[in-house]
Amino acid sequence: MDQLLQQNYLVILLVLWQIPWKGWALWKASRNNDKSWFIVLLILQTLAILDILYIYVFSKKKSNS
């Protein structure tokens, strides 16, 4: 029973870690009009790794050249 309770805490911590990153990445994708990224970020659950990569690497503003 104690082990089950510890697993629940781990799941709760992982969810609390993922939600803010997911929200921020989805917000940035929608603001940048990146529909493909929005769909990928919405569907894939990667413990926020993909979300963090999008925020800091792939969401750079595109130049209008």
N, C-alpha and C. Protein backbone atom coordinates (compact mmCIF):
# COMPACT_ATOMS: atom_id res chain seq x y z
N MET A 1 0.83 -1.19 0.00
CA MET A 1 0.00 0.00 0.00
C MET A 1 0.87 1.26 0.00
N ASP A 2 1.97 1.24 0.76
CA ASP A 2 2.87 2.39 0.84
C ASP A 2 3.51 2.66 -0.52
N GLN A 3 3.84 1.60 -1.23
CA GLN A 3 4.46 1.75 -2.55
C GLN A 3 3.47 2.36 -3.53
N LEU A 4 2.22 1.98 -3.45
CA LEU A 4 1.18 2.54 -4.32
C LEU A 4 1.02 4.04 -4.07
N LEU A 5 1.08 4.43 -2.82
CA LEU A 5 0.97 5.85 -2.47
C LEU A 5 2.15 6.64 -3.02
N GLN A 6 3.36 6.08 -2.97
CA GLN A 6 4.53 6.73 -3.52
C GLN A 6 4.41 6.88 -5.04
N GLN A 7 3.86 5.90 -5.71
CA GLN A 7 3.67 5.99 -7.15
C GLN A 7 2.67 7.09 -7.50
N ASN A 8 1.64 7.25 -6.69
CA ASN A 8 0.67 8.32 -6.93
C ASN A 8 1.33 9.68 -6.80
N TYR A 9 2.22 9.85 -5.82
CA TYR A 9 2.93 11.12 -5.67
C TYR A 9 3.81 11.39 -6.88
N LEU A 10 4.43 10.37 -7.40
CA LEU A 10 5.27 10.53 -8.58
C LEU A 10 4.44 10.97 -9.78
N VAL A 11 3.29 10.37 -9.98
CA VAL A 11 2.42 10.75 -11.09
C VAL A 11 1.95 12.19 -10.92
N ILE A 12 1.57 12.56 -9.71
CA ILE A 12 1.12 13.93 -9.45
C ILE A 12 2.26 14.92 -9.73
N LEU A 13 3.47 14.61 -9.29
CA LEU A 13 4.60 15.49 -9.56
C LEU A 13 4.89 15.62 -11.04
N LEU A 14 4.80 14.52 -11.78
CA LEU A 14 5.03 14.57 -13.22
C LEU A 14 3.97 15.40 -13.93
N VAL A 15 2.74 15.27 -13.52
CA VAL A 15 1.66 16.06 -14.12
C VAL A 15 1.85 17.54 -13.80
N LEU A 16 2.19 17.85 -12.55
CA LEU A 16 2.41 19.25 -12.18
C LEU A 16 3.61 19.84 -12.91
N TRP A 17 4.59 19.02 -13.25
CA TRP A 17 5.74 19.48 -14.03
C TRP A 17 5.32 19.74 -15.48
N GLN A 18 4.50 18.87 -16.02
CA GLN A 18 4.17 18.92 -17.45
C GLN A 18 3.15 20.00 -17.82
N ILE A 19 2.17 20.25 -16.99
CA ILE A 19 1.07 21.16 -17.35
C ILE A 19 1.56 22.57 -17.71
N PRO A 20 2.40 23.22 -16.90
CA PRO A 20 2.82 24.58 -17.28
C PRO A 20 3.62 24.60 -18.58
N TRP A 21 4.50 23.62 -18.78
CA TRP A 21 5.29 23.57 -20.01
C TRP A 21 4.38 23.35 -21.21
N LYS A 22 3.42 22.44 -21.07
CA LYS A 22 2.49 22.15 -22.16
C LYS A 22 1.69 23.40 -22.52
N GLY A 23 1.18 24.08 -21.52
CA GLY A 23 0.40 25.29 -21.77
C GLY A 23 1.22 26.37 -22.45
N TRP A 24 2.44 26.58 -21.98
CA TRP A 24 3.30 27.62 -22.56
C TRP A 24 3.65 27.28 -24.01
N ALA A 25 4.00 26.03 -24.27
CA ALA A 25 4.37 25.62 -25.62
C ALA A 25 3.17 25.73 -26.57
N LEU A 26 1.99 25.31 -26.13
CA LEU A 26 0.80 25.43 -26.97
C LEU A 26 0.47 26.89 -27.24
N TRP A 27 0.62 27.74 -26.24
CA TRP A 27 0.37 29.16 -26.40
C TRP A 27 1.33 29.77 -27.43
N LYS A 28 2.62 29.45 -27.31
CA LYS A 28 3.60 29.98 -28.25
C LYS A 28 3.34 29.46 -29.66
N ALA A 29 2.99 28.19 -29.79
CA ALA A 29 2.72 27.62 -31.11
C ALA A 29 1.52 28.31 -31.76
N SER A 30 0.49 28.59 -30.98
CA SER A 30 -0.68 29.25 -31.56
C SER A 30 -0.37 30.70 -31.90
N ARG A 31 0.40 31.39 -31.07
CA ARG A 31 0.78 32.78 -31.36
C ARG A 31 1.68 32.88 -32.59
N ASN A 32 2.53 31.87 -32.80
CA ASN A 32 3.42 31.86 -33.97
C ASN A 32 2.76 31.26 -35.20
N ASN A 33 1.49 30.89 -35.08
CA ASN A 33 0.75 30.30 -36.18
C ASN A 33 1.39 29.01 -36.69
N ASP A 34 1.98 28.24 -35.77
CA ASP A 34 2.60 26.95 -36.09
C ASP A 34 1.57 25.84 -35.86
N LYS A 35 0.70 25.63 -36.83
CA LYS A 35 -0.38 24.66 -36.66
C LYS A 35 0.14 23.23 -36.51
N SER A 36 1.18 22.90 -37.27
CA SER A 36 1.74 21.54 -37.17
C SER A 36 2.30 21.29 -35.79
N TRP A 37 3.07 22.24 -35.28
CA TRP A 37 3.64 22.10 -33.94
C TRP A 37 2.54 22.02 -32.89
N PHE A 38 1.51 22.84 -33.04
CA PHE A 38 0.41 22.83 -32.08
C PHE A 38 -0.19 21.44 -31.98
N ILE A 39 -0.45 20.82 -33.12
CA ILE A 39 -1.05 19.48 -33.15
C ILE A 39 -0.12 18.45 -32.53
N VAL A 40 1.17 18.50 -32.90
CA VAL A 40 2.15 17.54 -32.35
C VAL A 40 2.25 17.70 -30.84
N LEU A 41 2.35 18.95 -30.36
CA LEU A 41 2.48 19.20 -28.92
C LEU A 41 1.22 18.77 -28.17
N LEU A 42 0.08 18.96 -28.79
CA LEU A 42 -1.18 18.59 -28.14
C LEU A 42 -1.31 17.09 -28.00
N ILE A 43 -0.85 16.34 -28.99
CA ILE A 43 -1.04 14.89 -29.01
C ILE A 43 0.04 14.15 -28.22
N LEU A 44 1.30 14.53 -28.39
CA LEU A 44 2.39 13.78 -27.77
C LEU A 44 2.61 14.17 -26.32
N GLN A 45 2.75 13.17 -25.49
CA GLN A 45 3.07 13.36 -24.08
C GLN A 45 4.51 12.91 -23.87
N THR A 46 5.41 13.84 -23.65
CA THR A 46 6.84 13.51 -23.57
C THR A 46 7.48 14.03 -22.29
N LEU A 47 6.71 14.13 -21.22
CA LEU A 47 7.18 14.70 -19.96
C LEU A 47 7.75 16.09 -20.16
N ALA A 48 7.17 16.82 -21.10
CA ALA A 48 7.47 18.21 -21.41
C ALA A 48 8.79 18.41 -22.14
N ILE A 49 9.48 17.34 -22.51
CA ILE A 49 10.75 17.49 -23.21
C ILE A 49 10.52 18.15 -24.57
N LEU A 50 9.56 17.68 -25.33
CA LEU A 50 9.27 18.26 -26.63
C LEU A 50 8.77 19.70 -26.47
N ASP A 51 7.96 19.95 -25.44
CA ASP A 51 7.45 21.29 -25.18
C ASP A 51 8.59 22.28 -24.90
N ILE A 52 9.53 21.87 -24.06
CA ILE A 52 10.67 22.71 -23.72
C ILE A 52 11.53 22.98 -24.95
N LEU A 53 11.75 21.95 -25.76
CA LEU A 53 12.51 22.14 -26.99
C LEU A 53 11.81 23.13 -27.92
N TYR A 54 10.51 23.01 -28.05
CA TYR A 54 9.79 23.95 -28.91
C TYR A 54 9.95 25.38 -28.39
N ILE A 55 9.76 25.57 -27.09
CA ILE A 55 9.82 26.91 -26.51
C ILE A 55 11.18 27.55 -26.75
N TYR A 56 12.26 26.82 -26.48
CA TYR A 56 13.59 27.43 -26.51
C TYR A 56 14.34 27.26 -27.83
N VAL A 57 13.92 26.33 -28.69
CA VAL A 57 14.69 26.07 -29.91
C VAL A 57 13.88 26.40 -31.16
N PHE A 58 12.70 25.83 -31.27
CA PHE A 58 11.96 25.88 -32.52
C PHE A 58 10.99 27.07 -32.65
N SER A 59 10.72 27.79 -31.58
CA SER A 59 9.70 28.85 -31.66
C SER A 59 10.28 30.22 -31.95
N LYS A 60 11.50 30.29 -32.40
CA LYS A 60 12.08 31.59 -32.72
C LYS A 60 11.25 32.25 -33.81
N LYS A 61 11.07 33.56 -33.67
CA LYS A 61 10.28 34.30 -34.66
C LYS A 61 10.91 34.17 -36.03
N LYS A 62 10.07 33.94 -37.01
CA LYS A 62 10.56 33.81 -38.38
C LYS A 62 10.73 35.21 -38.97
N SER A 63 11.83 35.42 -39.68
CA SER A 63 12.05 36.72 -40.31
C SER A 63 11.21 36.84 -41.57
N ASN A 64 10.84 38.05 -41.90
CA ASN A 64 10.01 38.30 -43.09
C ASN A 64 10.88 38.70 -44.27
N SER A 65 11.89 37.88 -44.60
CA SER A 65 12.78 38.22 -45.70
C SER A 65 12.26 37.69 -47.01
